[in-house]
């Protein structure tokens, strides 16, 4: 039940702000469900393969707010980058990966606060 609620929150924020996996799912899986960082990241990616983007993207497309060419190029980069990133992450110890993730979130938050 709570996993559905977490997914609902992440999906709503993803559709509203374009965020979700990194900011909601992964912390929830690590903190609430005591997943390792690796397990949380892999689970988040698997959960978002199709459902997060497709319906939200359709709504944005219907409103004329999707650049298909940009989206396809970004998707190609995600496809290759996702594979490379997952390959690089596997040998990194969980405690270090968790710290890297936290630093990443702090940097993004500061950028938004200062320059956003």
Protein backbone atom coordinates (compact mmCIF):
# COMPACT_ATOMS: atom_id res chain seq x y z
CA UNK A 1 0.00 0.00 0.00
CA UNK A 2 2.68 2.52 0.97
CA UNK A 3 4.72 1.68 -2.11
CA UNK A 4 1.67 2.64 -4.21
CA UNK A 5 1.36 5.93 -2.29
CA UNK A 6 5.07 6.66 -2.82
CA UNK A 7 4.59 5.89 -6.52
CA UNK A 8 1.52 8.13 -6.64
CA UNK A 9 3.43 11.03 -5.07
CA UNK A 10 6.42 10.50 -7.36
CA UNK A 11 4.18 10.25 -10.42
CA UNK A 12 2.26 13.39 -9.49
CA UNK A 13 5.46 15.37 -8.90
CA UNK A 14 6.96 13.94 -12.07
CA UNK A 15 4.00 15.11 -14.13
CA UNK A 16 3.81 18.47 -12.34
CA UNK A 17 7.49 19.38 -12.01
CA UNK A 18 9.31 16.84 -14.19
CA UNK A 19 10.85 15.17 -11.14
CA UNK A 20 10.11 12.03 -9.15
CA UNK A 21 12.55 9.15 -9.25
CA UNK A 22 15.60 10.73 -7.75
CA UNK A 23 13.84 13.05 -5.37
CA UNK A 24 11.02 10.87 -4.07
CA UNK A 25 11.40 7.19 -4.91
CA UNK A 26 15.05 6.65 -4.07
CA UNK A 27 15.03 8.42 -0.69
CA UNK A 28 11.76 6.66 0.23
CA UNK A 29 13.13 3.25 -0.68
CA UNK A 30 16.38 3.87 1.21
CA UNK A 31 14.90 5.52 4.31
CA UNK A 32 11.50 3.86 4.70
CA UNK A 33 12.23 0.43 3.22
CA UNK A 34 15.91 0.19 4.17
CA UNK A 35 16.96 -0.65 0.59
CA UNK A 36 20.59 -0.31 -0.35
CA UNK A 37 21.33 2.66 -2.62
CA UNK A 38 21.95 0.28 -5.52
CA UNK A 39 18.65 -1.55 -4.97
CA UNK A 40 16.72 1.71 -4.63
CA UNK A 41 18.19 3.15 -7.83
CA UNK A 42 17.57 -0.04 -9.80
CA UNK A 43 14.02 -0.37 -8.47
CA UNK A 44 13.29 3.28 -9.26
CA UNK A 45 14.53 2.88 -12.83
CA UNK A 46 12.52 -0.30 -13.34
CA UNK A 47 9.35 1.31 -11.95
CA UNK A 48 9.68 4.32 -14.26
CA UNK A 49 10.36 2.50 -17.51
CA UNK A 50 6.95 3.26 -18.98
CA UNK A 51 4.23 4.51 -16.65
CA UNK A 52 5.74 7.76 -15.41
CA UNK A 53 6.39 9.33 -18.74
CA UNK A 54 3.80 8.09 -21.18
CA UNK A 55 0.58 9.58 -19.81
CA UNK A 56 2.20 12.80 -18.63
CA UNK A 57 3.96 13.21 -21.99
CA UNK A 58 0.67 12.69 -23.83
CA UNK A 59 -0.96 15.48 -21.80
CA UNK A 60 1.93 17.84 -22.48
CA UNK A 61 1.91 16.86 -26.20
CA UNK A 62 -1.84 17.51 -26.45
CA UNK A 63 -1.23 21.00 -25.09
CA UNK A 64 1.53 21.57 -27.66
CA UNK A 65 4.29 21.43 -25.07
CA UNK A 66 6.51 18.66 -26.44
CA UNK A 67 9.40 19.07 -28.87
CA UNK A 68 9.53 15.57 -30.40
CA UNK A 69 12.96 16.08 -32.02
CA UNK A 70 14.47 17.22 -28.72
CA UNK A 71 12.74 14.39 -26.84
CA UNK A 72 14.07 11.73 -29.23
CA UNK A 73 17.63 13.05 -29.02
CA UNK A 74 17.42 13.25 -25.23
CA UNK A 75 15.95 9.72 -25.13
CA UNK A 76 18.87 8.41 -27.17
CA UNK A 77 21.25 10.06 -24.73
CA UNK A 78 19.31 8.56 -21.81
CA UNK A 79 19.44 5.13 -23.42
CA UNK A 80 23.22 5.17 -23.79
CA UNK A 81 23.90 7.21 -20.64
CA UNK A 82 21.62 5.06 -18.51
CA UNK A 83 23.51 1.94 -19.55
CA UNK A 84 26.88 3.56 -18.92
CA UNK A 85 25.81 5.07 -15.59
CA UNK A 86 24.40 1.75 -14.36
CA UNK A 87 27.61 0.01 -15.40
CA UNK A 88 29.73 2.56 -13.51
CA UNK A 89 27.52 2.39 -10.39
CA UNK A 90 27.69 -1.35 -9.83
CA UNK A 91 31.26 -1.57 -8.46
CA UNK A 92 30.88 1.54 -6.24
CA UNK A 93 30.32 0.65 -2.54
CA UNK A 94 26.81 1.42 -1.34
CA UNK A 95 27.90 3.95 1.30
CA UNK A 96 29.86 5.94 -1.28
CA UNK A 97 27.05 5.80 -3.84
CA UNK A 98 24.62 7.09 -1.20
CA UNK A 99 26.93 10.03 -0.44
CA UNK A 100 27.36 10.83 -4.15
CA UNK A 101 23.56 10.82 -4.53
CA UNK A 102 23.11 13.14 -1.53
CA UNK A 103 25.76 15.56 -2.81
CA UNK A 104 24.05 15.58 -6.21
CA UNK A 105 20.71 16.50 -4.63
CA UNK A 106 22.35 19.28 -2.58
CA UNK A 107 24.04 20.74 -5.66
CA UNK A 108 20.76 20.74 -7.61
CA UNK A 109 18.89 22.29 -4.67
CA UNK A 110 21.50 25.06 -4.29
CA UNK A 111 21.45 25.80 -8.02
CA UNK A 112 17.69 26.20 -7.94
CA UNK A 113 17.79 28.35 -4.81
CA UNK A 114 20.56 30.63 -6.06
CA UNK A 115 19.98 30.84 -9.81
CA UNK A 116 16.46 29.45 -10.22
